[in-house]
Amino acid sequence: MADSWTQKFNRDYAPVTKRLDKNFSGIKAGEMMLISTPRDIVSYVRAIPEGEARSIPQMRDDLADAAGADKTCPLTASIYLRFAIEAELEGLDGAEDSPHMLPFWRVLDAQSPLAKKLSCGTSFITRKRQAEGLE
């Protein structure tokens, strides 16, 4: 049986910073790359004030800066963001208007490739962004 999103989110992740020996996904050889964690991504998203938005590239840059790295791995950042969002949605069990919900719409717009994969659908993201004046 496949792991639930919550199980994927709750695995024991530790942040890793490593110097790349070859170019990878827009990060140059010799740069320090952070592989963040789902919990660090949740902390970042929860800290975005209501009515403000950040892009995923901005999130990656901010996480890298906080860790003393040059860049954050774009692949794992998107994967871990999805783990966090889907685990949140699983935990809410359909109660998508909870005031304690992870405000992931502050880093995703409905047009992003990741948004199109989420179980909540893009219209949910659009509604939440409109409610905060982000659209």
N, C-alpha and C. Protein backbone atom coordinates (compact mmCIF):
# COMPACT_ATOMS: atom_id res chain seq x y z
N MET A 1 0.84 -1.19 0.00
CA MET A 1 0.00 0.00 0.00
C MET A 1 0.88 1.25 0.00
N ALA A 2 0.51 2.21 -0.78
CA ALA A 2 1.29 3.45 -0.88
C ALA A 2 1.15 4.27 0.39
N ASP A 3 2.22 4.99 0.71
CA ASP A 3 2.18 5.87 1.87
C ASP A 3 1.21 7.02 1.63
N SER A 4 0.56 7.46 2.70
CA SER A 4 -0.28 8.65 2.60
C SER A 4 0.62 9.87 2.52
N TRP A 5 0.03 10.99 2.18
CA TRP A 5 0.79 12.25 2.15
C TRP A 5 1.30 12.57 3.55
N THR A 6 0.52 12.29 4.55
CA THR A 6 0.93 12.57 5.92
C THR A 6 2.13 11.71 6.30
N GLN A 7 2.13 10.45 5.89
CA GLN A 7 3.28 9.59 6.16
C GLN A 7 4.52 10.10 5.44
N LYS A 8 4.36 10.53 4.20
CA LYS A 8 5.50 11.08 3.45
C LYS A 8 6.04 12.33 4.14
N PHE A 9 5.13 13.20 4.59
CA PHE A 9 5.53 14.42 5.27
C PHE A 9 6.26 14.13 6.58
N ASN A 10 5.81 13.12 7.31
CA ASN A 10 6.34 12.84 8.65
C ASN A 10 7.60 11.98 8.68
N ARG A 11 8.13 11.62 7.54
CA ARG A 11 9.40 10.89 7.55
C ARG A 11 10.47 11.74 8.21
N ASP A 12 11.54 11.10 8.62
CA ASP A 12 12.62 11.80 9.32
C ASP A 12 13.57 12.45 8.32
N TYR A 13 13.30 13.71 7.99
CA TYR A 13 14.13 14.46 7.06
C TYR A 13 15.09 15.34 7.84
N ALA A 14 16.27 15.52 7.31
CA ALA A 14 17.22 16.46 7.88
C ALA A 14 17.73 17.33 6.74
N PRO A 15 17.88 18.63 6.98
CA PRO A 15 18.41 19.48 5.91
C PRO A 15 19.85 19.10 5.58
N VAL A 16 20.18 19.20 4.31
CA VAL A 16 21.53 18.86 3.84
C VAL A 16 22.00 20.02 2.98
N THR A 17 23.23 20.46 3.22
CA THR A 17 23.86 21.46 2.37
C THR A 17 25.11 20.82 1.79
N LYS A 18 25.22 20.89 0.47
CA LYS A 18 26.39 20.27 -0.16
C LYS A 18 26.85 21.11 -1.34
N ARG A 19 28.17 21.05 -1.58
CA ARG A 19 28.76 21.75 -2.71
C ARG A 19 28.60 20.85 -3.94
N LEU A 20 28.05 21.42 -4.99
CA LEU A 20 27.83 20.64 -6.21
C LEU A 20 29.11 20.49 -7.00
N ASP A 21 29.34 19.29 -7.50
CA ASP A 21 30.52 19.08 -8.33
C ASP A 21 30.18 19.14 -9.82
N LYS A 22 28.89 19.29 -10.14
CA LYS A 22 28.48 19.52 -11.52
C LYS A 22 27.20 20.34 -11.52
N ASN A 23 26.91 20.99 -12.63
CA ASN A 23 25.71 21.80 -12.74
C ASN A 23 24.48 20.93 -12.52
N PHE A 24 23.47 21.51 -11.86
CA PHE A 24 22.24 20.78 -11.60
C PHE A 24 21.06 21.75 -11.57
N SER A 25 20.16 21.61 -12.48
CA SER A 25 18.89 22.33 -12.47
C SER A 25 19.04 23.83 -12.23
N GLY A 26 19.94 24.44 -12.97
CA GLY A 26 20.15 25.88 -12.86
C GLY A 26 21.10 26.30 -11.75
N ILE A 27 21.63 25.35 -11.02
CA ILE A 27 22.61 25.62 -9.97
C ILE A 27 23.97 25.21 -10.51
N LYS A 28 24.94 26.10 -10.38
CA LYS A 28 26.25 25.87 -10.99
C LYS A 28 27.16 25.00 -10.12
N ALA A 29 28.02 24.26 -10.77
CA ALA A 29 29.04 23.49 -10.08
C ALA A 29 29.82 24.44 -9.17
N GLY A 30 30.10 23.99 -7.96
CA GLY A 30 30.84 24.79 -6.99
C GLY A 30 29.95 25.54 -6.02
N GLU A 31 28.66 25.72 -6.37
CA GLU A 31 27.74 26.40 -5.45
C GLU A 31 27.26 25.44 -4.37
N MET A 32 26.92 26.04 -3.22
CA MET A 32 26.37 25.27 -2.11
C MET A 32 24.85 25.17 -2.29
N MET A 33 24.35 23.94 -2.32
CA MET A 33 22.92 23.70 -2.51
C MET A 33 22.32 23.13 -1.24
N LEU A 34 21.20 23.71 -0.83
CA LEU A 34 20.43 23.21 0.30
C LEU A 34 19.37 22.25 -0.18
N ILE A 35 19.27 21.12 0.48
CA ILE A 35 18.11 20.25 0.36
C ILE A 35 17.37 20.46 1.67
N SER A 36 16.27 21.18 1.58
CA SER A 36 15.52 21.58 2.76
C SER A 36 14.70 20.40 3.30
N THR A 37 13.73 20.68 4.14
CA THR A 37 12.84 19.66 4.68
C THR A 37 11.40 20.13 4.54
N PRO A 38 10.46 19.20 4.56
CA PRO A 38 9.05 19.62 4.52
C PRO A 38 8.68 20.54 5.69
N ARG A 39 9.21 20.29 6.87
CA ARG A 39 8.87 21.12 8.03
C ARG A 39 9.44 22.54 7.90
N ASP A 40 10.65 22.67 7.32
CA ASP A 40 11.20 24.00 7.10
C ASP A 40 10.36 24.77 6.09
N ILE A 41 9.86 24.08 5.10
CA ILE A 41 9.01 24.72 4.10
C ILE A 41 7.70 25.16 4.74
N VAL A 42 7.12 24.33 5.59
CA VAL A 42 5.89 24.71 6.31
C VAL A 42 6.15 25.95 7.17
N SER A 43 7.25 25.97 7.88
CA SER A 43 7.57 27.13 8.72
C SER A 43 7.69 28.39 7.88
N TYR A 44 8.31 28.28 6.74
CA TYR A 44 8.45 29.43 5.83
C TYR A 44 7.07 29.92 5.37
N VAL A 45 6.24 29.01 4.89
CA VAL A 45 4.93 29.39 4.37
C VAL A 45 4.05 29.99 5.47
N ARG A 46 4.09 29.40 6.65
CA ARG A 46 3.28 29.93 7.76
C ARG A 46 3.71 31.34 8.17
N ALA A 47 4.95 31.70 7.90
CA ALA A 47 5.46 33.02 8.29
C ALA A 47 5.09 34.12 7.29
N ILE A 48 4.55 33.76 6.14
CA ILE A 48 4.15 34.78 5.16
C ILE A 48 2.87 35.45 5.67
N PRO A 49 2.90 36.76 5.86
CA PRO A 49 1.71 37.45 6.39
C PRO A 49 0.52 37.37 5.43
N GLU A 50 -0.66 37.37 6.01
CA GLU A 50 -1.88 37.39 5.21
C GLU A 50 -1.84 38.58 4.27
N GLY A 51 -2.25 38.34 3.03
CA GLY A 51 -2.27 39.41 2.03
C GLY A 51 -0.96 39.61 1.30
N GLU A 52 0.06 38.82 1.64
CA GLU A 52 1.34 38.88 0.95
C GLU A 52 1.60 37.55 0.27
N ALA A 53 2.37 37.59 -0.78
CA ALA A 53 2.70 36.38 -1.53
C ALA A 53 4.20 36.32 -1.78
N ARG A 54 4.69 35.13 -1.96
CA ARG A 54 6.06 34.87 -2.37
C ARG A 54 5.98 33.86 -3.51
N SER A 55 6.95 33.87 -4.35
CA SER A 55 7.04 32.85 -5.39
C SER A 55 7.83 31.66 -4.85
N ILE A 56 7.72 30.55 -5.52
CA ILE A 56 8.52 29.39 -5.13
C ILE A 56 10.01 29.70 -5.28
N PRO A 57 10.44 30.36 -6.37
CA PRO A 57 11.87 30.73 -6.44
C PRO A 57 12.30 31.64 -5.28
N GLN A 58 11.43 32.57 -4.86
CA GLN A 58 11.75 33.42 -3.71
C GLN A 58 11.86 32.59 -2.44
N MET A 59 10.95 31.65 -2.26
CA MET A 59 11.01 30.76 -1.11
C MET A 59 12.33 30.00 -1.10
N ARG A 60 12.71 29.47 -2.25
CA ARG A 60 13.98 28.72 -2.32
C ARG A 60 15.16 29.61 -1.99
N ASP A 61 15.17 30.84 -2.51
CA ASP A 61 16.27 31.77 -2.21
C ASP A 61 16.31 32.10 -0.72
N ASP A 62 15.16 32.35 -0.12
CA ASP A 62 15.10 32.68 1.30
C ASP A 62 15.55 31.51 2.17
N LEU A 63 15.14 30.30 1.82
CA LEU A 63 15.57 29.12 2.57
C LEU A 63 17.08 28.93 2.45
N ALA A 64 17.61 29.13 1.25
CA ALA A 64 19.06 29.00 1.04
C ALA A 64 19.81 30.03 1.87
N ASP A 65 19.36 31.28 1.83
CA ASP A 65 20.01 32.34 2.60
C ASP A 65 20.03 32.00 4.09
N ALA A 66 18.91 31.52 4.60
CA ALA A 66 18.80 31.19 6.03
C ALA A 66 19.74 30.05 6.41
N ALA A 67 20.05 29.17 5.45
CA ALA A 67 20.91 28.02 5.73
C ALA A 67 22.37 28.28 5.35
N GLY A 68 22.67 29.47 4.83
CA GLY A 68 24.03 29.76 4.41
C GLY A 68 24.42 29.07 3.12
N ALA A 69 23.44 28.76 2.29
CA ALA A 69 23.70 28.11 1.00
C ALA A 69 23.48 29.12 -0.12
N ASP A 70 23.92 28.76 -1.32
CA ASP A 70 23.72 29.62 -2.48
C ASP A 70 22.33 29.45 -3.07
N LYS A 71 21.87 28.23 -3.11
CA LYS A 71 20.57 27.90 -3.73
C LYS A 71 19.92 26.76 -2.96
N THR A 72 18.61 26.62 -3.16
CA THR A 72 17.88 25.46 -2.63
C THR A 72 17.50 24.58 -3.81
N CYS A 73 17.60 23.30 -3.63
CA CYS A 73 17.26 22.35 -4.68
C CYS A 73 15.81 22.57 -5.13
N PRO A 74 15.62 22.90 -6.41
CA PRO A 74 14.26 23.16 -6.88
C PRO A 74 13.39 21.90 -6.91
N LEU A 75 13.99 20.77 -7.16
CA LEU A 75 13.24 19.52 -7.25
C LEU A 75 12.66 19.13 -5.89
N THR A 76 13.52 19.03 -4.88
CA THR A 76 13.02 18.61 -3.56
C THR A 76 12.14 19.68 -2.93
N ALA A 77 12.42 20.95 -3.21
CA ALA A 77 11.57 22.01 -2.64
C ALA A 77 10.13 21.86 -3.12
N SER A 78 9.94 21.58 -4.39
CA SER A 78 8.59 21.40 -4.92
C SER A 78 7.95 20.12 -4.40
N ILE A 79 8.73 19.07 -4.33
CA ILE A 79 8.21 17.80 -3.82
C ILE A 79 7.79 17.96 -2.36
N TYR A 80 8.65 18.56 -1.55
CA TYR A 80 8.34 18.72 -0.13
C TYR A 80 7.19 19.70 0.10
N LEU A 81 7.08 20.71 -0.75
CA LEU A 81 5.94 21.61 -0.65
C LEU A 81 4.66 20.84 -0.93
N ARG A 82 4.69 19.97 -1.91
CA ARG A 82 3.49 19.16 -2.19
C ARG A 82 3.18 18.23 -1.03
N PHE A 83 4.20 17.58 -0.45
CA PHE A 83 3.96 16.73 0.72
C PHE A 83 3.24 17.53 1.80
N ALA A 84 3.73 18.74 2.07
CA ALA A 84 3.15 19.58 3.13
C ALA A 84 1.70 19.95 2.82
N ILE A 85 1.45 20.36 1.59
CA ILE A 85 0.10 20.77 1.22
C ILE A 85 -0.87 19.60 1.28
N GLU A 86 -0.50 18.50 0.67
CA GLU A 86 -1.40 17.34 0.63
C GLU A 86 -1.61 16.75 2.02
N ALA A 87 -0.57 16.74 2.85
CA ALA A 87 -0.74 16.25 4.23
C ALA A 87 -1.70 17.16 4.98
N GLU A 88 -1.58 18.46 4.76
CA GLU A 88 -2.49 19.42 5.38
C GLU A 88 -3.93 19.14 4.95
N LEU A 89 -4.13 18.95 3.67
CA LEU A 89 -5.48 18.69 3.15
C LEU A 89 -6.02 17.36 3.68
N GLU A 90 -5.18 16.35 3.79
CA GLU A 90 -5.60 15.07 4.38
C GLU A 90 -6.07 15.27 5.82
N GLY A 91 -5.30 16.05 6.56
CA GLY A 91 -5.60 16.26 7.97
C GLY A 91 -6.87 17.06 8.20
N LEU A 92 -7.22 17.89 7.24
CA LEU A 92 -8.43 18.72 7.39
C LEU A 92 -9.69 17.95 7.04
N ASP A 93 -9.52 16.84 6.35
CA ASP A 93 -10.65 15.96 6.04
C ASP A 93 -11.84 16.73 5.46
N GLY A 94 -11.55 17.59 4.48
CA GLY A 94 -12.61 18.32 3.81
C GLY A 94 -12.94 19.68 4.41
N ALA A 95 -12.40 20.01 5.57
CA ALA A 95 -12.67 21.30 6.22
C ALA A 95 -11.69 22.34 5.71
N GLU A 96 -11.81 22.71 4.45
CA GLU A 96 -10.83 23.57 3.79
C GLU A 96 -10.90 25.04 4.20
N ASP A 97 -11.78 25.40 5.09
CA ASP A 97 -11.86 26.79 5.53
C ASP A 97 -11.33 26.98 6.94
N SER A 98 -10.53 26.04 7.41
CA SER A 98 -9.95 26.15 8.74
C SER A 98 -9.02 27.36 8.82
N PRO A 99 -9.14 28.16 9.89
CA PRO A 99 -8.24 29.31 10.03
C PRO A 99 -6.79 28.89 10.32
N HIS A 100 -6.58 27.62 10.63
CA HIS A 100 -5.24 27.12 10.94
C HIS A 100 -4.59 26.42 9.76
N MET A 101 -5.26 26.46 8.62
CA MET A 101 -4.75 25.78 7.44
C MET A 101 -3.45 26.42 6.95
N LEU A 102 -2.54 25.61 6.49
CA LEU A 102 -1.30 26.09 5.89
C LEU A 102 -1.66 26.99 4.70
N PRO A 103 -1.26 28.26 4.69
CA PRO A 103 -1.66 29.17 3.62
C PRO A 103 -0.79 29.04 2.37
N PHE A 104 -0.83 27.86 1.79
CA PHE A 104 0.04 27.54 0.66
C PHE A 104 -0.26 28.38 -0.57
N TRP A 105 -1.44 28.95 -0.67
CA TRP A 105 -1.80 29.81 -1.81
C TRP A 105 -0.95 31.08 -1.82
N ARG A 106 -0.22 31.33 -0.77
CA ARG A 106 0.67 32.49 -0.74
C ARG A 106 1.98 32.24 -1.49
N VAL A 107 2.25 30.97 -1.83
CA VAL A 107 3.43 30.65 -2.65
C VAL A 107 3.06 30.00 -3.98
N LEU A 108 1.78 29.72 -4.17
CA LEU A 108 1.33 29.09 -5.41
C LEU A 108 0.21 29.90 -6.02
N ASP A 109 0.25 30.07 -7.32
CA ASP A 109 -0.94 30.59 -7.98
C ASP A 109 -1.54 29.44 -8.78
N ALA A 110 -2.75 29.62 -9.21
CA ALA A 110 -3.49 28.54 -9.85
C ALA A 110 -2.86 28.09 -11.17
N GLN A 111 -1.99 28.89 -11.75
CA GLN A 111 -1.36 28.55 -13.03
C GLN A 111 -0.09 27.72 -12.88
N SER A 112 0.42 27.58 -11.67
CA SER A 112 1.68 26.87 -11.50
C SER A 112 1.49 25.37 -11.76
N PRO A 113 2.51 24.73 -12.30
CA PRO A 113 2.40 23.29 -12.55
C PRO A 113 2.05 22.50 -11.29
N LEU A 114 2.62 22.88 -10.15
CA LEU A 114 2.33 22.16 -8.91
C LEU A 114 0.86 22.32 -8.52
N ALA A 115 0.31 23.51 -8.67
CA ALA A 115 -1.09 23.75 -8.30
C ALA A 115 -2.02 22.82 -9.06
N LYS A 116 -1.68 22.55 -10.30
CA LYS A 116 -2.54 21.70 -11.13
C LYS A 116 -2.53 20.24 -10.69
N LYS A 117 -1.58 19.85 -9.87
CA LYS A 117 -1.48 18.47 -9.39
C LYS A 117 -2.19 18.28 -8.04
N LEU A 118 -2.51 19.35 -7.34
CA LEU A 118 -3.03 19.24 -5.98
C LEU A 118 -4.47 18.73 -5.92
N SER A 119 -4.77 18.00 -4.88
CA SER A 119 -6.10 17.42 -4.72
C SER A 119 -7.19 18.46 -4.50
N CYS A 120 -6.83 19.66 -4.04
CA CYS A 120 -7.82 20.70 -3.78
C CYS A 120 -8.29 21.40 -5.04
N GLY A 121 -7.55 21.26 -6.12
CA GLY A 121 -7.92 21.90 -7.37
C GLY A 121 -7.47 23.35 -7.44
N THR A 122 -7.36 23.86 -8.64
CA THR A 122 -6.87 25.22 -8.83
C THR A 122 -7.90 26.27 -8.43
N SER A 123 -9.18 25.94 -8.50
CA SER A 123 -10.21 26.94 -8.14
C SER A 123 -10.13 27.27 -6.65
N PHE A 124 -9.75 26.32 -5.82
CA PHE A 124 -9.57 26.57 -4.39
C PHE A 124 -8.47 27.61 -4.18
N ILE A 125 -7.36 27.43 -4.89
CA ILE A 125 -6.23 28.36 -4.77
C ILE A 125 -6.66 29.76 -5.24
N THR A 126 -7.36 29.81 -6.34
CA THR A 126 -7.84 31.10 -6.85
C THR A 126 -8.74 31.79 -5.83
N ARG A 127 -9.68 31.06 -5.24
CA ARG A 127 -10.58 31.64 -4.22
C ARG A 127 -9.80 32.19 -3.04
N LYS A 128 -8.83 31.42 -2.55
CA LYS A 128 -8.05 31.84 -1.38
C LYS A 128 -7.20 33.08 -1.72
N ARG A 129 -6.60 33.08 -2.91
CA ARG A 129 -5.79 34.24 -3.32
C ARG A 129 -6.67 35.49 -3.50
N GLN A 130 -7.83 35.32 -4.07
CA GLN A 130 -8.74 36.44 -4.24
C GLN A 130 -9.19 36.99 -2.88
N ALA A 131 -9.47 36.10 -1.94
CA ALA A 131 -9.91 36.52 -0.61
C ALA A 131 -8.85 37.36 0.10
N GLU A 132 -7.57 37.13 -0.23
CA GLU A 132 -6.49 37.89 0.40
C GLU A 132 -5.99 39.02 -0.50
N GLY A 133 -6.65 39.26 -1.62
CA GLY A 133 -6.25 40.34 -2.51
C GLY A 133 -4.98 40.05 -3.28
N LEU A 134 -4.68 38.78 -3.50
CA LEU A 134 -3.46 38.39 -4.21
C LEU A 134 -3.69 38.19 -5.70
N GLU A 135 -4.92 38.23 -6.13
CA GLU A 135 -5.27 38.06 -7.55
C GLU A 135 -5.79 39.35 -8.10
